[in-house]
Amino acid sequence: MHRGVRLTPARKEVFALLSKHEGAIGAYDLLEQLKQVVPNAKPPTIYRALDFLQAQGFVHKISSSNSYVLCSHFEKQHPVQMLICRQCGSVQEIHSEGVHEQFLNQANAQGFQVEQQTVEALGTCSQCVPKSS
């Protein structure tokens, strides 16, 4: 990797599994899939891989569902807004610089230094919204 970090076989496999999955997935569901390739994989294996991938900006954690989703553009530590559909579970990553700037301004006014920001919006995606006839 050009960042000088090592993508171990377990990290690479977890990344591959996430890239094949639509939307967010829980760590234990990922672990079950990982066991198909790495039979001796244990919970620490998956959590170490997810922590690494998250630190590198490849994965975002969805706190409201305790699940993970692949980043749409792989920037290390960037502000994220997630649109999460309550019906189908789809997750869309968006970037609203105005939102992030306002958030930082308010945090700075409180003397708080933001290290990471993720905003989660729960609702209904365009595929699940009832169509009016």
N, C-alpha and C. Protein backbone atom coordinates (compact mmCIF):
# COMPACT_ATOMS: atom_id res chain seq x y z
N MET A 1 0.84 -1.19 0.00
CA MET A 1 0.00 0.00 0.00
C MET A 1 0.88 1.25 0.00
N HIS A 2 0.41 2.28 -0.62
CA HIS A 2 1.21 3.49 -0.70
C HIS A 2 1.22 4.28 0.61
N ARG A 3 0.41 3.93 1.58
CA ARG A 3 0.40 4.63 2.87
C ARG A 3 1.44 4.08 3.82
N GLY A 4 2.13 3.02 3.43
CA GLY A 4 3.15 2.44 4.29
C GLY A 4 2.60 1.50 5.34
N VAL A 5 1.36 1.05 5.17
CA VAL A 5 0.78 0.09 6.09
C VAL A 5 0.62 -1.25 5.38
N ARG A 6 0.48 -2.31 6.18
CA ARG A 6 0.47 -3.65 5.62
C ARG A 6 -0.95 -4.22 5.58
N LEU A 7 -1.34 -4.68 4.43
CA LEU A 7 -2.63 -5.32 4.27
C LEU A 7 -2.42 -6.83 4.42
N THR A 8 -2.62 -7.33 5.64
CA THR A 8 -2.43 -8.75 5.93
C THR A 8 -3.49 -9.56 5.19
N PRO A 9 -3.30 -10.88 5.09
CA PRO A 9 -4.32 -11.70 4.42
C PRO A 9 -5.72 -11.56 5.05
N ALA A 10 -5.80 -11.49 6.37
CA ALA A 10 -7.11 -11.35 7.03
C ALA A 10 -7.73 -9.99 6.69
N ARG A 11 -6.94 -8.92 6.73
CA ARG A 11 -7.44 -7.59 6.39
C ARG A 11 -7.92 -7.55 4.94
N LYS A 12 -7.13 -8.15 4.08
CA LYS A 12 -7.46 -8.19 2.65
C LYS A 12 -8.78 -8.95 2.43
N GLU A 13 -8.96 -10.06 3.12
CA GLU A 13 -10.17 -10.86 2.97
C GLU A 13 -11.39 -10.11 3.51
N VAL A 14 -11.25 -9.45 4.66
CA VAL A 14 -12.35 -8.67 5.22
C VAL A 14 -12.72 -7.54 4.27
N PHE A 15 -11.73 -6.87 3.71
CA PHE A 15 -11.99 -5.82 2.72
C PHE A 15 -12.76 -6.40 1.54
N ALA A 16 -12.33 -7.55 1.05
CA ALA A 16 -13.00 -8.20 -0.09
C ALA A 16 -14.44 -8.56 0.25
N LEU A 17 -14.67 -9.07 1.45
CA LEU A 17 -16.02 -9.42 1.87
C LEU A 17 -16.91 -8.18 1.93
N LEU A 18 -16.37 -7.10 2.49
CA LEU A 18 -17.15 -5.85 2.56
C LEU A 18 -17.45 -5.31 1.16
N SER A 19 -16.52 -5.46 0.24
CA SER A 19 -16.72 -4.93 -1.11
C SER A 19 -17.80 -5.69 -1.87
N LYS A 20 -18.07 -6.92 -1.46
CA LYS A 20 -19.10 -7.73 -2.11
C LYS A 20 -20.48 -7.52 -1.48
N HIS A 21 -20.51 -6.88 -0.31
CA HIS A 21 -21.75 -6.75 0.44
C HIS A 21 -22.44 -5.43 0.13
N GLU A 22 -23.74 -5.50 -0.10
CA GLU A 22 -24.55 -4.30 -0.30
C GLU A 22 -24.94 -3.75 1.07
N GLY A 23 -24.63 -2.50 1.35
CA GLY A 23 -25.00 -1.89 2.61
C GLY A 23 -24.08 -2.30 3.75
N ALA A 24 -24.57 -2.10 4.97
CA ALA A 24 -23.78 -2.36 6.17
C ALA A 24 -23.94 -3.81 6.61
N ILE A 25 -22.94 -4.30 7.32
CA ILE A 25 -22.95 -5.68 7.84
C ILE A 25 -22.28 -5.69 9.20
N GLY A 26 -22.79 -6.53 10.08
CA GLY A 26 -22.24 -6.65 11.43
C GLY A 26 -20.95 -7.45 11.45
N ALA A 27 -20.17 -7.24 12.49
CA ALA A 27 -18.88 -7.91 12.62
C ALA A 27 -19.03 -9.43 12.69
N TYR A 28 -20.03 -9.91 13.42
CA TYR A 28 -20.19 -11.36 13.54
C TYR A 28 -20.67 -12.00 12.25
N ASP A 29 -21.47 -11.27 11.47
CA ASP A 29 -21.86 -11.77 10.14
C ASP A 29 -20.64 -11.84 9.24
N LEU A 30 -19.78 -10.82 9.33
CA LEU A 30 -18.52 -10.84 8.57
C LEU A 30 -17.64 -12.00 9.03
N LEU A 31 -17.60 -12.23 10.33
CA LEU A 31 -16.78 -13.32 10.87
C LEU A 31 -17.23 -14.66 10.31
N GLU A 32 -18.53 -14.88 10.23
CA GLU A 32 -19.05 -16.14 9.67
C GLU A 32 -18.61 -16.30 8.22
N GLN A 33 -18.63 -15.22 7.46
CA GLN A 33 -18.18 -15.28 6.07
C GLN A 33 -16.67 -15.51 6.00
N LEU A 34 -15.93 -14.85 6.89
CA LEU A 34 -14.48 -14.99 6.91
C LEU A 34 -14.08 -16.43 7.23
N LYS A 35 -14.84 -17.09 8.09
CA LYS A 35 -14.54 -18.47 8.46
C LYS A 35 -14.62 -19.43 7.27
N GLN A 36 -15.30 -19.04 6.21
CA GLN A 36 -15.36 -19.87 5.01
C GLN A 36 -13.98 -19.94 4.35
N VAL A 37 -13.18 -18.89 4.53
CA VAL A 37 -11.85 -18.80 3.94
C VAL A 37 -10.76 -19.04 4.97
N VAL A 38 -10.98 -18.54 6.19
CA VAL A 38 -10.02 -18.68 7.28
C VAL A 38 -10.74 -19.39 8.43
N PRO A 39 -10.77 -20.72 8.41
CA PRO A 39 -11.57 -21.48 9.38
C PRO A 39 -11.27 -21.19 10.84
N ASN A 40 -10.05 -20.82 11.17
CA ASN A 40 -9.70 -20.56 12.58
C ASN A 40 -9.90 -19.10 12.99
N ALA A 41 -10.57 -18.30 12.18
CA ALA A 41 -10.81 -16.88 12.51
C ALA A 41 -11.68 -16.78 13.75
N LYS A 42 -11.32 -15.86 14.63
CA LYS A 42 -12.03 -15.61 15.89
C LYS A 42 -12.47 -14.15 15.93
N PRO A 43 -13.34 -13.78 16.89
CA PRO A 43 -13.78 -12.38 16.97
C PRO A 43 -12.63 -11.35 16.97
N PRO A 44 -11.52 -11.57 17.72
CA PRO A 44 -10.45 -10.58 17.66
C PRO A 44 -9.89 -10.38 16.24
N THR A 45 -9.89 -11.44 15.44
CA THR A 45 -9.40 -11.36 14.06
C THR A 45 -10.22 -10.33 13.28
N ILE A 46 -11.53 -10.45 13.36
CA ILE A 46 -12.40 -9.56 12.59
C ILE A 46 -12.33 -8.14 13.12
N TYR A 47 -12.32 -8.00 14.45
CA TYR A 47 -12.28 -6.65 15.02
C TYR A 47 -10.96 -5.94 14.75
N ARG A 48 -9.86 -6.66 14.78
CA ARG A 48 -8.56 -6.04 14.44
C ARG A 48 -8.56 -5.60 12.98
N ALA A 49 -9.08 -6.45 12.10
CA ALA A 49 -9.14 -6.09 10.68
C ALA A 49 -10.04 -4.88 10.46
N LEU A 50 -11.20 -4.87 11.10
CA LEU A 50 -12.12 -3.74 10.95
C LEU A 50 -11.54 -2.46 11.51
N ASP A 51 -10.89 -2.54 12.68
CA ASP A 51 -10.25 -1.35 13.26
C ASP A 51 -9.19 -0.79 12.32
N PHE A 52 -8.38 -1.67 11.75
CA PHE A 52 -7.36 -1.24 10.80
C PHE A 52 -7.99 -0.59 9.57
N LEU A 53 -8.97 -1.24 8.99
CA LEU A 53 -9.61 -0.71 7.78
C LEU A 53 -10.31 0.61 8.06
N GLN A 54 -10.87 0.74 9.25
CA GLN A 54 -11.51 1.99 9.64
C GLN A 54 -10.46 3.10 9.81
N ALA A 55 -9.36 2.79 10.46
CA ALA A 55 -8.29 3.78 10.67
C ALA A 55 -7.69 4.25 9.35
N GLN A 56 -7.69 3.39 8.35
CA GLN A 56 -7.14 3.74 7.04
C GLN A 56 -8.16 4.45 6.15
N GLY A 57 -9.40 4.56 6.62
CA GLY A 57 -10.43 5.25 5.84
C GLY A 57 -11.09 4.38 4.79
N PHE A 58 -10.95 3.06 4.90
CA PHE A 58 -11.57 2.15 3.94
C PHE A 58 -12.98 1.74 4.37
N VAL A 59 -13.27 1.87 5.66
CA VAL A 59 -14.52 1.39 6.24
C VAL A 59 -15.06 2.44 7.19
N HIS A 60 -16.39 2.53 7.26
CA HIS A 60 -17.05 3.38 8.25
C HIS A 60 -17.87 2.49 9.17
N LYS A 61 -17.87 2.84 10.44
CA LYS A 61 -18.71 2.14 11.40
C LYS A 61 -20.04 2.88 11.51
N ILE A 62 -21.13 2.13 11.43
CA ILE A 62 -22.46 2.67 11.62
C ILE A 62 -22.83 2.37 13.08
N SER A 63 -22.70 3.37 13.93
CA SER A 63 -22.88 3.17 15.37
C SER A 63 -24.31 2.76 15.72
N SER A 64 -25.29 3.32 15.03
CA SER A 64 -26.68 3.03 15.38
C SER A 64 -27.05 1.56 15.19
N SER A 65 -26.36 0.86 14.30
CA SER A 65 -26.64 -0.56 14.08
C SER A 65 -25.44 -1.45 14.41
N ASN A 66 -24.37 -0.84 14.91
CA ASN A 66 -23.14 -1.55 15.23
C ASN A 66 -22.71 -2.42 14.05
N SER A 67 -22.62 -1.78 12.89
CA SER A 67 -22.24 -2.48 11.67
C SER A 67 -21.22 -1.65 10.91
N TYR A 68 -20.75 -2.21 9.79
CA TYR A 68 -19.68 -1.58 9.03
C TYR A 68 -20.06 -1.53 7.56
N VAL A 69 -19.57 -0.49 6.88
CA VAL A 69 -19.83 -0.32 5.46
C VAL A 69 -18.56 0.18 4.80
N LEU A 70 -18.32 -0.26 3.58
CA LEU A 70 -17.15 0.17 2.84
C LEU A 70 -17.28 1.65 2.49
N CYS A 71 -16.20 2.39 2.62
CA CYS A 71 -16.18 3.82 2.27
C CYS A 71 -16.33 3.95 0.76
N SER A 72 -17.02 4.99 0.34
CA SER A 72 -17.25 5.16 -1.09
C SER A 72 -16.07 5.76 -1.84
N HIS A 73 -15.07 6.31 -1.11
CA HIS A 73 -13.94 6.92 -1.83
C HIS A 73 -12.59 6.83 -1.10
N PHE A 74 -12.52 6.13 -0.01
CA PHE A 74 -11.26 5.77 0.66
C PHE A 74 -10.37 6.95 1.05
N GLU A 75 -10.94 7.94 1.69
CA GLU A 75 -10.11 9.02 2.25
C GLU A 75 -9.88 8.72 3.71
N LYS A 76 -8.66 8.92 4.14
CA LYS A 76 -8.35 8.66 5.55
C LYS A 76 -8.95 9.76 6.42
N GLN A 77 -9.75 9.36 7.40
CA GLN A 77 -10.36 10.24 8.38
C GLN A 77 -10.97 11.49 7.75
N HIS A 78 -12.17 11.37 7.27
CA HIS A 78 -12.89 12.48 6.68
C HIS A 78 -14.29 12.56 7.27
N PRO A 79 -14.90 13.73 7.20
CA PRO A 79 -16.26 13.86 7.73
C PRO A 79 -17.22 13.03 6.88
N VAL A 80 -18.16 12.40 7.54
CA VAL A 80 -19.07 11.50 6.84
C VAL A 80 -20.49 11.76 7.31
N GLN A 81 -21.39 11.76 6.36
CA GLN A 81 -22.81 11.74 6.67
C GLN A 81 -23.38 10.49 6.00
N MET A 82 -24.11 9.69 6.79
CA MET A 82 -24.67 8.43 6.30
C MET A 82 -26.18 8.53 6.27
N LEU A 83 -26.76 8.14 5.16
CA LEU A 83 -28.21 8.05 5.02
C LEU A 83 -28.54 6.56 5.12
N ILE A 84 -29.25 6.18 6.16
CA ILE A 84 -29.51 4.77 6.46
C ILE A 84 -31.01 4.50 6.36
N CYS A 85 -31.39 3.60 5.46
CA CYS A 85 -32.80 3.27 5.27
C CYS A 85 -33.25 2.26 6.33
N ARG A 86 -34.29 2.62 7.06
CA ARG A 86 -34.83 1.73 8.09
C ARG A 86 -35.51 0.51 7.50
N GLN A 87 -35.97 0.61 6.26
CA GLN A 87 -36.72 -0.50 5.67
C GLN A 87 -35.82 -1.54 5.03
N CYS A 88 -34.93 -1.13 4.14
CA CYS A 88 -34.11 -2.11 3.41
C CYS A 88 -32.68 -2.21 3.94
N GLY A 89 -32.28 -1.26 4.79
CA GLY A 89 -30.94 -1.30 5.36
C GLY A 89 -29.85 -0.72 4.49
N SER A 90 -30.22 -0.14 3.35
CA SER A 90 -29.19 0.45 2.49
C SER A 90 -28.53 1.63 3.19
N VAL A 91 -27.28 1.85 2.85
CA VAL A 91 -26.51 2.94 3.44
C VAL A 91 -25.88 3.73 2.30
N GLN A 92 -26.11 5.03 2.31
CA GLN A 92 -25.51 5.91 1.30
C GLN A 92 -24.62 6.92 2.01
N GLU A 93 -23.38 7.02 1.57
CA GLU A 93 -22.43 7.97 2.14
C GLU A 93 -22.51 9.26 1.33
N ILE A 94 -22.72 10.38 2.03
CA ILE A 94 -22.73 11.67 1.36
C ILE A 94 -21.73 12.59 2.06
N HIS A 95 -21.38 13.68 1.40
CA HIS A 95 -20.43 14.64 1.96
C HIS A 95 -20.98 16.05 1.77
N SER A 96 -21.32 16.67 2.88
CA SER A 96 -21.85 18.02 2.87
C SER A 96 -20.88 18.91 3.61
N GLU A 97 -19.99 19.54 2.88
CA GLU A 97 -18.96 20.38 3.51
C GLU A 97 -19.56 21.46 4.39
N GLY A 98 -20.67 22.04 4.00
CA GLY A 98 -21.30 23.06 4.83
C GLY A 98 -21.68 22.53 6.20
N VAL A 99 -22.20 21.32 6.24
CA VAL A 99 -22.57 20.69 7.50
C VAL A 99 -21.33 20.50 8.36
N HIS A 100 -20.29 19.98 7.76
CA HIS A 100 -19.06 19.73 8.50
C HIS A 100 -18.46 21.04 9.03
N GLU A 101 -18.43 22.07 8.20
CA GLU A 101 -17.86 23.36 8.63
C GLU A 101 -18.65 23.95 9.79
N GLN A 102 -19.97 23.90 9.72
CA GLN A 102 -20.80 24.41 10.81
C GLN A 102 -20.55 23.62 12.09
N PHE A 103 -20.45 22.32 11.94
CA PHE A 103 -20.19 21.45 13.09
C PHE A 103 -18.86 21.82 13.74
N LEU A 104 -17.81 21.97 12.91
CA LEU A 104 -16.49 22.34 13.44
C LEU A 104 -16.51 23.70 14.11
N ASN A 105 -17.19 24.66 13.50
CA ASN A 105 -17.27 25.99 14.09
C ASN A 105 -17.91 25.95 15.48
N GLN A 106 -18.99 25.20 15.61
CA GLN A 106 -19.67 25.10 16.90
C GLN A 106 -18.82 24.34 17.91
N ALA A 107 -18.15 23.31 17.49
CA ALA A 107 -17.27 22.56 18.40
C ALA A 107 -16.11 23.44 18.86
N ASN A 108 -15.50 24.17 17.92
CA ASN A 108 -14.38 25.05 18.26
C ASN A 108 -14.82 26.14 19.24
N ALA A 109 -16.04 26.66 19.06
CA ALA A 109 -16.56 27.68 19.97
C ALA A 109 -16.69 27.14 21.40
N GLN A 110 -16.84 25.82 21.53
CA GLN A 110 -16.94 25.17 22.83
C GLN A 110 -15.57 24.73 23.34
N GLY A 111 -14.52 25.00 22.56
CA GLY A 111 -13.19 24.58 22.94
C GLY A 111 -12.95 23.09 22.73
N PHE A 112 -13.73 22.50 21.84
CA PHE A 112 -13.65 21.06 21.59
C PHE A 112 -12.96 20.81 20.26
N GLN A 113 -11.98 19.93 20.27
CA GLN A 113 -11.26 19.59 19.04
C GLN A 113 -11.80 18.29 18.48
N VAL A 114 -12.42 18.35 17.32
CA VAL A 114 -13.03 17.18 16.67
C VAL A 114 -11.94 16.36 16.00
N GLU A 115 -11.90 15.07 16.30
CA GLU A 115 -10.94 14.16 15.68
C GLU A 115 -11.58 13.34 14.55
N GLN A 116 -12.85 13.06 14.69
CA GLN A 116 -13.57 12.28 13.69
C GLN A 116 -15.05 12.64 13.79
N GLN A 117 -15.71 12.70 12.64
CA GLN A 117 -17.13 13.05 12.64
C GLN A 117 -17.90 12.12 11.73
N THR A 118 -18.96 11.50 12.27
CA THR A 118 -19.89 10.72 11.48
C THR A 118 -21.29 11.10 11.91
N VAL A 119 -22.10 11.49 10.95
CA VAL A 119 -23.50 11.83 11.21
C VAL A 119 -24.34 10.74 10.56
N GLU A 120 -25.27 10.19 11.32
CA GLU A 120 -26.14 9.13 10.82
C GLU A 120 -27.57 9.65 10.76
N ALA A 121 -28.17 9.58 9.59
CA ALA A 121 -29.56 9.96 9.42
C ALA A 121 -30.36 8.71 9.07
N LEU A 122 -31.36 8.41 9.89
CA LEU A 122 -32.22 7.26 9.66
C LEU A 122 -33.49 7.73 8.97
N GLY A 123 -33.93 6.98 7.98
CA GLY A 123 -35.13 7.34 7.25
C GLY A 123 -35.50 6.28 6.23
N THR A 124 -36.04 6.73 5.11
CA THR A 124 -36.49 5.83 4.06
C THR A 124 -35.85 6.25 2.74
N CYS A 125 -35.21 5.30 2.08
CA CYS A 125 -34.54 5.60 0.80
C CYS A 125 -35.57 5.73 -0.34
N SER A 126 -35.11 6.20 -1.47
CA SER A 126 -36.00 6.43 -2.62
C SER A 126 -36.60 5.13 -3.14
N GLN A 127 -35.93 4.00 -2.94
CA GLN A 127 -36.46 2.72 -3.39
C GLN A 127 -37.61 2.23 -2.50
N CYS A 128 -37.61 2.66 -1.24
CA CYS A 128 -38.60 2.17 -0.29
C CYS A 128 -39.76 3.16 -0.05
N VAL A 129 -39.59 4.41 -0.47
CA VAL A 129 -40.66 5.41 -0.29
C VAL A 129 -41.85 4.98 -1.15
N PRO A 130 -43.04 4.92 -0.55
CA PRO A 130 -44.21 4.56 -1.35
C PRO A 130 -44.41 5.55 -2.50
N LYS A 131 -44.61 5.01 -3.67
CA LYS A 131 -44.84 5.86 -4.85
C LYS A 131 -46.31 6.29 -4.86
N SER A 132 -46.54 7.60 -5.04
CA SER A 132 -47.92 8.07 -5.12
C SER A 132 -48.45 7.81 -6.52
N SER A 133 -49.70 7.40 -6.59
CA SER A 133 -50.26 7.06 -7.90
C SER A 133 -51.07 8.15 -8.49
